[in-house]
Amino acid sequence: MTDYAQDLVFGSFVTPSARPPLRPVELAVLSERVGLDLVTFQDHPYQPALQDAWTLMSFAAARTERIRISGNVLNLPLRQPAVLAHSAATLDRLSGGRVEMGIGAGGFWDAIAGMGARRLTPGQSIQALEEAITIMRGIWAADERGGLTVEGEFHRTSGAKRGPAPAHDIGVWVGAYKPRLLRMVGRVADGWIPSLPYLPDGPASLTEMSRHVDDAARAAGRDPAAVTRLLNIGGEFRRDSGGLLVGPPDQWAEELTDIALVHGVSGFIMMGDDPTALEIFAREVAPRVRELVAAERAA
């Protein structure tokens, strides 16, 4: 049982559908209205049926006042890290400190290469992501003297100007499943975002995956609790139980409480674009999970 005692966060995972174009923004506004903490957008620039995630994040930030906003996850191979860092800092300042950096190493390489990016091996993509994180944090470090020079193999800067500083310390959250990338998360990232449907053994898969994160964090001199654990989840609300996250809201709350306390997950992000399901998740499930987790922690 591993509980890192982090504050719980509940969010939405919105499909950036191109038709109708304002639909994803409306779901972001709804997410805020029903009380969610976070709205996130998947990022697949090579899909013509989807809109650009960063543009949607910016538009959603202008239409909301409280909710935090992130990619889930941004496609690094198609986004230059120094420019991405500048964009994130700008949007964070404009939104009052509401932007987080959910980012991935890239996965659909035929489509990525088709958009003009260099095709990388899995190992190369992990190295490229670690270099990019170094660059982004260097750009955000506006108070440090001198330009930013990073001599990476895949991403480089040579005396790049730092700044502007974001309004808050932007969290770098990485989508990861395999051991090597999980170890990189433990070394350098602020958060980890897997998706429940991609876990071969369901929540039980998190035990071994978390071990890679924790071991790497300790080896780097970090407290494993410094890495926020978020989980993209999907399911169905219905009266009778039909398995994990298929059933009434009380069942969802009990199952998510178990995942939080056993696996240390502190962020649950609801996949899907059904407004009714989002409202049930926000108004019935989230408060109950907070209540149950708080009771267990107090005990």
Protein backbone atom coordinates (compact mmCIF):
# COMPACT_ATOMS: atom_id res chain seq x y z
CA MET A 1 0.00 0.00 0.00
CA THR A 2 1.51 3.31 -1.11
CA ASP A 3 -0.18 6.61 -0.39
CA TYR A 4 1.97 9.65 -1.15
CA ALA A 5 -0.56 11.85 0.71
CA GLN A 6 -0.92 14.29 -2.16
CA ASP A 7 -3.97 16.50 -2.64
CA LEU A 8 -6.54 14.87 -4.89
CA VAL A 9 -7.25 16.32 -8.34
CA PHE A 10 -10.14 15.48 -10.66
CA GLY A 11 -10.22 16.41 -14.31
CA SER A 12 -11.59 15.81 -17.79
CA PHE A 13 -9.90 14.42 -20.91
CA VAL A 14 -11.52 16.19 -23.87
CA THR A 15 -11.33 15.05 -27.49
CA PRO A 16 -10.28 18.07 -29.61
CA SER A 17 -12.82 17.25 -32.30
CA ALA A 18 -12.89 19.56 -35.30
CA ARG A 19 -16.67 19.31 -35.76
CA PRO A 20 -18.26 21.29 -34.30
CA PRO A 21 -15.17 23.39 -33.55
CA LEU A 22 -16.40 24.94 -30.29
CA ARG A 23 -17.50 21.63 -28.76
CA PRO A 24 -14.17 20.93 -26.96
CA VAL A 25 -14.17 24.47 -25.54
CA GLU A 26 -17.74 24.04 -24.31
CA LEU A 27 -16.68 20.87 -22.51
CA ALA A 28 -13.81 22.77 -20.89
CA VAL A 29 -16.25 25.43 -19.69
CA LEU A 30 -18.57 22.68 -18.41
CA SER A 31 -15.66 21.03 -16.60
CA GLU A 32 -15.06 24.24 -14.70
CA ARG A 33 -18.73 24.85 -14.00
CA VAL A 34 -19.30 21.42 -12.44
CA GLY A 35 -16.26 21.81 -10.19
CA LEU A 36 -13.45 19.84 -11.81
CA ASP A 37 -9.88 20.97 -11.13
CA LEU A 38 -8.33 20.24 -14.51
CA VAL A 39 -9.22 20.00 -18.20
CA THR A 40 -6.85 18.24 -20.59
CA PHE A 41 -6.68 17.75 -24.36
CA GLN A 42 -5.10 14.94 -26.34
CA ASP A 43 -2.63 16.06 -29.01
CA HIS A 44 -2.48 14.39 -32.42
CA PRO A 45 -1.52 17.09 -34.96
CA TYR A 46 -1.46 14.56 -37.79
CA GLN A 47 -5.18 13.79 -37.40
CA PRO A 48 -7.30 16.08 -39.63
CA ALA A 49 -10.42 15.20 -37.62
CA LEU A 50 -8.84 16.82 -34.56
CA GLN A 51 -8.03 20.46 -33.85
CA ASP A 52 -4.70 21.68 -32.54
CA ALA A 53 -4.44 21.01 -28.83
CA TRP A 54 -2.34 24.07 -27.99
CA THR A 55 -4.72 26.45 -29.74
CA LEU A 56 -7.63 24.85 -27.90
CA MET A 57 -5.81 25.17 -24.58
CA SER A 58 -5.34 28.89 -25.24
CA PHE A 59 -8.95 29.38 -26.28
CA ALA A 60 -10.21 27.41 -23.27
CA ALA A 61 -8.00 29.43 -20.92
CA ALA A 62 -9.63 32.61 -22.21
CA ARG A 63 -13.11 31.17 -21.68
CA THR A 64 -12.50 29.97 -18.11
CA GLU A 65 -11.34 31.53 -14.85
CA ARG A 66 -10.34 28.82 -12.37
CA ILE A 67 -9.69 25.43 -13.96
CA ARG A 68 -6.15 24.28 -14.75
CA ILE A 69 -5.33 23.30 -18.35
CA SER A 70 -2.90 20.78 -19.82
CA GLY A 71 -2.12 18.67 -22.83
CA ASN A 72 -2.64 14.97 -22.30
CA VAL A 73 -0.12 14.63 -23.66
CA LEU A 74 1.51 17.15 -26.04
CA ASN A 75 3.38 15.58 -28.93
CA LEU A 76 6.99 16.64 -28.38
CA PRO A 77 8.40 15.45 -31.75
CA LEU A 78 6.18 18.02 -33.47
CA ARG A 79 6.77 20.86 -30.98
CA GLN A 80 10.12 22.66 -30.61
CA PRO A 81 10.86 22.70 -26.85
CA ALA A 82 12.25 26.24 -26.44
CA VAL A 83 9.29 27.72 -28.30
CA LEU A 84 6.89 25.43 -26.43
CA ALA A 85 8.35 26.65 -23.13
CA HIS A 86 7.86 30.28 -24.20
CA SER A 87 4.27 29.54 -25.24
CA ALA A 88 3.52 27.77 -21.96
CA ALA A 89 4.97 30.59 -19.87
CA THR A 90 2.96 33.15 -21.82
CA LEU A 91 -0.31 31.26 -21.44
CA ASP A 92 0.42 30.61 -17.77
CA ARG A 93 0.88 34.34 -17.17
CA LEU A 94 -2.23 35.27 -19.13
CA SER A 95 -4.35 32.66 -17.33
CA GLY A 96 -3.17 33.43 -13.81
CA GLY A 97 -1.00 30.36 -13.34
CA ARG A 98 -3.31 27.65 -14.67
CA VAL A 99 -1.13 25.81 -17.23
CA GLU A 100 0.61 22.45 -16.74
CA MET A 101 2.92 20.70 -19.21
CA GLY A 102 1.59 17.25 -20.00
CA ILE A 103 3.99 15.89 -22.62
CA GLY A 104 4.93 12.67 -24.37
CA ALA A 105 7.89 11.27 -26.25
CA GLY A 106 5.79 10.39 -29.31
CA GLY A 107 4.28 7.10 -30.35
CA PHE A 108 2.73 7.11 -33.84
CA TRP A 109 5.96 7.51 -35.78
CA ASP A 110 4.63 6.94 -39.30
CA ALA A 111 2.22 9.84 -38.79
CA ILE A 112 4.82 11.96 -37.00
CA ALA A 113 7.35 11.42 -39.79
CA GLY A 114 4.64 12.19 -42.31
CA MET A 115 4.36 15.65 -40.74
CA GLY A 116 8.08 16.24 -41.33
CA ALA A 117 9.64 15.30 -37.99
CA ARG A 118 12.62 13.00 -37.67
CA ARG A 119 11.73 9.37 -36.93
CA LEU A 120 13.30 8.25 -33.63
CA THR A 121 13.78 4.90 -31.96
CA PRO A 122 12.15 4.44 -28.54
CA GLY A 123 15.47 5.04 -26.82
CA GLN A 124 16.17 8.15 -28.87
CA SER A 125 12.70 9.56 -28.18
CA ILE A 126 13.27 9.21 -24.42
CA GLN A 127 16.61 11.00 -24.66
CA ALA A 128 14.99 13.72 -26.78
CA LEU A 129 12.26 14.18 -24.17
CA GLU A 130 14.75 14.49 -21.33
CA GLU A 131 16.71 17.08 -23.32
CA ALA A 132 13.48 18.96 -24.02
CA ILE A 133 12.56 19.05 -20.33
CA THR A 134 15.99 20.49 -19.54
CA ILE A 135 15.47 23.19 -22.17
CA MET A 136 11.95 24.07 -21.04
CA ARG A 137 12.98 24.44 -17.42
CA GLY A 138 15.98 26.50 -18.50
CA ILE A 139 13.77 28.88 -20.47
CA TRP A 140 11.43 29.23 -17.49
CA ALA A 141 14.37 30.03 -15.17
CA ALA A 142 14.21 33.74 -16.01
CA ASP A 143 16.18 34.78 -12.90
CA GLU A 144 19.28 32.79 -13.84
CA ARG A 145 22.05 34.84 -15.41
CA GLY A 146 23.32 34.22 -18.91
CA GLY A 147 21.79 32.51 -21.90
CA LEU A 148 20.69 28.89 -21.97
CA THR A 149 23.03 26.45 -23.71
CA VAL A 150 22.04 22.80 -23.94
CA GLU A 151 24.18 20.56 -26.15
CA GLY A 152 21.72 17.74 -26.68
CA GLU A 153 21.80 15.19 -29.44
CA PHE A 154 18.23 15.92 -30.52
CA HIS A 155 17.43 19.31 -28.98
CA ARG A 156 19.91 22.14 -28.55
CA THR A 157 20.07 25.76 -27.54
CA SER A 158 23.04 28.07 -27.85
CA GLY A 159 22.76 31.05 -25.52
CA ALA A 160 18.98 31.21 -25.79
CA LYS A 161 17.37 34.08 -23.91
CA ARG A 162 15.55 32.95 -20.78
CA GLY A 163 12.03 33.98 -19.88
CA PRO A 164 9.45 35.12 -19.46
CA ALA A 165 8.98 33.29 -16.17
CA PRO A 166 5.63 31.53 -15.86
CA ALA A 167 3.20 32.72 -13.20
CA HIS A 168 3.73 29.51 -11.21
CA ASP A 169 6.04 26.49 -11.30
CA ILE A 170 4.62 24.62 -14.28
CA GLY A 171 4.45 20.90 -13.63
CA VAL A 172 6.01 18.65 -16.28
CA TRP A 173 3.82 15.53 -16.46
CA VAL A 174 4.95 12.69 -18.73
CA GLY A 175 2.88 9.96 -20.34
CA ALA A 176 4.85 6.75 -19.78
CA TYR A 177 4.45 2.96 -19.66
CA LYS A 178 7.78 1.24 -20.35
CA PRO A 179 10.56 0.88 -17.74
CA ARG A 180 13.13 3.17 -19.36
CA LEU A 181 10.72 6.06 -19.73
CA LEU A 182 9.30 5.44 -16.25
CA ARG A 183 12.81 5.74 -14.85
CA MET A 184 13.21 9.05 -16.63
CA VAL A 185 9.97 10.21 -15.01
CA GLY A 186 11.42 9.36 -11.62
CA ARG A 187 14.63 11.23 -12.35
CA VAL A 188 13.36 14.48 -13.79
CA ALA A 189 9.56 14.81 -14.14
CA ASP A 190 6.99 16.36 -11.81
CA GLY A 191 4.22 13.97 -12.73
CA TRP A 192 3.27 10.76 -14.50
CA ILE A 193 0.10 10.23 -16.59
CA PRO A 194 -0.75 6.71 -17.79
CA SER A 195 -4.18 5.71 -19.09
CA LEU A 196 -6.10 2.92 -17.39
CA PRO A 197 -7.27 1.26 -20.67
CA TYR A 198 -3.61 0.79 -21.68
CA LEU A 199 -2.59 -0.99 -18.47
CA PRO A 200 -2.43 -4.73 -19.26
CA ASP A 201 -3.50 -5.85 -15.78
CA GLY A 202 -5.61 -2.84 -14.88
CA PRO A 203 -4.68 -0.96 -11.71
CA ALA A 204 -2.49 -3.87 -10.60
CA SER A 205 -0.02 -2.84 -13.34
CA LEU A 206 0.65 0.36 -11.42
CA THR A 207 2.57 -1.50 -8.69
CA GLU A 208 5.51 -2.51 -10.89
CA MET A 209 5.38 0.67 -12.95
CA SER A 210 5.50 2.83 -9.82
CA ARG A 211 8.47 0.86 -8.59
CA HIS A 212 10.50 2.03 -11.60
CA VAL A 213 9.49 5.63 -10.92
CA ASP A 214 10.26 5.40 -7.20
CA ASP A 215 13.59 3.62 -7.57
CA ALA A 216 14.81 6.15 -10.14
CA ALA A 217 13.66 9.05 -7.98
CA ARG A 218 15.56 7.77 -4.96
CA ALA A 219 18.66 7.10 -7.07
CA ALA A 220 18.50 10.74 -8.22
CA GLY A 221 18.19 11.97 -4.63
CA ARG A 222 14.50 12.80 -4.97
CA ASP A 223 11.55 11.93 -2.77
CA PRO A 224 9.22 9.65 -4.79
CA ALA A 225 6.32 11.70 -3.42
CA ALA A 226 7.62 14.61 -5.50
CA VAL A 227 6.23 12.83 -8.57
CA THR A 228 2.48 13.38 -8.89
CA ARG A 229 0.61 10.28 -10.10
CA LEU A 230 -2.34 10.98 -12.39
CA LEU A 231 -4.48 8.40 -14.17
CA ASN A 232 -6.70 8.76 -17.22
CA ILE A 233 -9.80 6.68 -16.54
CA GLY A 234 -12.83 5.59 -18.50
CA GLY A 235 -15.99 3.76 -17.61
CA GLU A 236 -19.76 3.88 -17.54
CA PHE A 237 -22.29 5.09 -15.03
CA ARG A 238 -25.22 2.71 -14.65
CA ARG A 239 -27.38 1.28 -11.89
CA ASP A 240 -25.92 -2.23 -11.78
CA SER A 241 -22.27 -3.19 -11.45
CA GLY A 242 -20.53 -4.49 -14.55
CA GLY A 243 -16.87 -4.43 -13.53
CA LEU A 244 -14.26 -1.82 -12.73
CA LEU A 245 -15.69 1.70 -13.14
CA VAL A 246 -18.87 0.29 -14.64
CA GLY A 247 -21.69 0.91 -12.18
CA PRO A 248 -23.20 3.55 -9.89
CA PRO A 249 -21.26 6.57 -8.61
CA ASP A 250 -20.75 5.02 -5.16
CA GLN A 251 -18.98 2.07 -6.76
CA TRP A 252 -16.76 4.41 -8.73
CA ALA A 253 -15.89 6.29 -5.56
CA GLU A 254 -14.91 3.15 -3.69
CA GLU A 255 -12.79 1.84 -6.57
CA LEU A 256 -11.00 5.17 -7.10
CA THR A 257 -10.38 5.45 -3.35
CA ASP A 258 -8.72 2.04 -3.45
CA ILE A 259 -6.51 3.08 -6.40
CA ALA A 260 -5.55 6.27 -4.56
CA LEU A 261 -4.61 4.57 -1.31
CA VAL A 262 -3.02 1.40 -2.73
CA HIS A 263 -1.21 2.86 -5.74
CA GLY A 264 -0.65 6.47 -4.72
CA VAL A 265 -2.70 7.99 -7.54
CA SER A 266 -3.79 11.50 -6.64
CA GLY A 267 -5.23 12.67 -9.97
CA PHE A 268 -8.15 11.07 -11.82
CA ILE A 269 -8.92 12.36 -15.31
CA MET A 270 -12.21 11.28 -16.87
CA MET A 271 -11.93 10.25 -20.52
CA GLY A 272 -14.92 10.90 -22.74
CA ASP A 273 -17.07 13.76 -23.97
CA ASP A 274 -20.44 12.96 -22.38
CA PRO A 275 -21.55 16.07 -20.44
CA THR A 276 -23.82 14.07 -18.14
CA ALA A 277 -21.05 11.66 -17.20
CA LEU A 278 -18.66 14.55 -16.52
CA GLU A 279 -21.21 16.15 -14.22
CA ILE A 280 -21.80 12.92 -12.28
CA PHE A 281 -18.05 12.41 -11.99
CA ALA A 282 -17.52 15.94 -10.69
CA ARG A 283 -20.52 16.30 -8.39
CA GLU A 284 -21.01 12.78 -7.05
CA VAL A 285 -17.81 10.77 -7.43
CA ALA A 286 -15.08 13.34 -6.71
CA PRO A 287 -16.48 14.63 -3.39
CA ARG A 288 -17.04 11.08 -2.16
CA VAL A 289 -13.50 10.00 -3.06
CA ARG A 290 -12.11 13.01 -1.22
CA GLU A 291 -14.22 12.11 1.81
CA LEU A 292 -13.18 8.44 1.83
CA VAL A 293 -9.49 9.16 1.29
CA ALA A 294 -9.46 11.82 4.00
CA ALA A 295 -11.10 9.38 6.44
CA GLU A 296 -8.52 6.67 5.70
CA ARG A 297 -5.64 9.09 6.05
CA ALA A 298 -6.96 10.39 9.34
CA ALA A 299 -7.29 6.83 10.63
